[in-house]
Amino acid sequence: MYFYINKIFPTILQKGRCKSVQAIGWYLEEANMAQFSTNISDYNVTPIHKVYEEVCKDAEELNLAICGSQIVGLVPLEALMQAADYYMEKENLFILEEDQKLRLVINRIGLNSLGAFSPKERIIEYMISDDNDGPLVSMDVKDFVLTIGSRSPTPGGGSVAALLASLGSALGAMVGFLTYGNKKFYELDSRMRKIIPPLYKTMKDLIQFVDADAAAFSEYMLALKLPQDTEEDKTLRAVAMQEGLHTAIRVPLTVSRLANSMWPYLKELAEIGNINCKSDLQVNSMGSHLKELAEIGNINCKSDLQVNSMGPYLKEIAEIGILASSFSFCTPS
């Protein structure tokens, strides 16, 4: 990582101040600047923002200005998210979206000062990930509903349950946002900062299961259609069916777990949240029907289990049913 300063000055990082960091500096006479180059071998020991802040601290003591910084090569997303968390806490900011957190980091450590920093080209996870949405979540609402009501087994109850759970989390997040920053409920801001993020994250996490459930069913159906002409064919078909069932059970099981994990936050929102959002909590498909959502997941899992025993999952499914029935949902009166 390079830092550019408008004049040369003595060594910034004294030995021991920043562990797992190697550094060297030199003067660029043609630019009338000093370049300070660092190699951060372990950003979990010394984060990027720590190094940057140390450089800024010493530069300020010498009455010198930081012109900007550059990251050479690729950088892990986690390293930049650590910096985002640092500046959010330092400046008392409340940011949920990843791209907004990245913009904050790019701005605070001057990554755009000497040249454009493109996250899609410089962040490792963005270089190798495939973020294309599935065909179901890419549909508009009308087409999705018509597809559900068509003469086709997929998408079915599992996809609908995932969507309902995601929408329920979304409504919970909305109530949190409409409470946060409201003068009438200013004393609740600290609580909303803790309640909103898990609801918002679960809302986004559940979206993928709309397509995942349909894909899991298709995987099992393809396994059923494999040939059975020889003993080898039968063995391969049995293995494929087992793997298909594994996926078919894991998807609704995960949806049920995620739905249940939202209970404490929704319950607290119902007790202290913006009273004007009472109706939103009452129609909250996660809040008022969370037990039913969990049961849908249980039923989907059990129907798969009836086809082929998957013993290790029985205990987990039973636990989800217990969780679903252990809460009573209430809304503000």
Foldseek 3Di string as FASTA:
>chain_A
DKWKWQADDDDQDDPPPQPQKDWDKDADVVRNIIIIDMDRRDCVRPAPVNVLVSVVVVCVVVVIDTQAGEDPAADELVSLVVVLVVVCVVVVHQDQDSVVSNVVSCVVRVHPRVHDDDCCRHHPCNVPDDPDADPLLPDDPVVNVVVAVDPDVPPYDQLVLLLLLLQLLVLLLVLLVVQAPDPVNPVCNVVSSVLNNLSNVLSVVSNRLSVQLRVLVVQLVVLVPFDDPDPVSVVSSVVSNVVSLVSNLVSLLVSLVSLLVNVVSLQVCQVRTDLVCQVSSVPSSSQVCVLVSLVSSLVSNVVSCVVPNDPVCPVSSVVSNVSSPPDDHHHHD
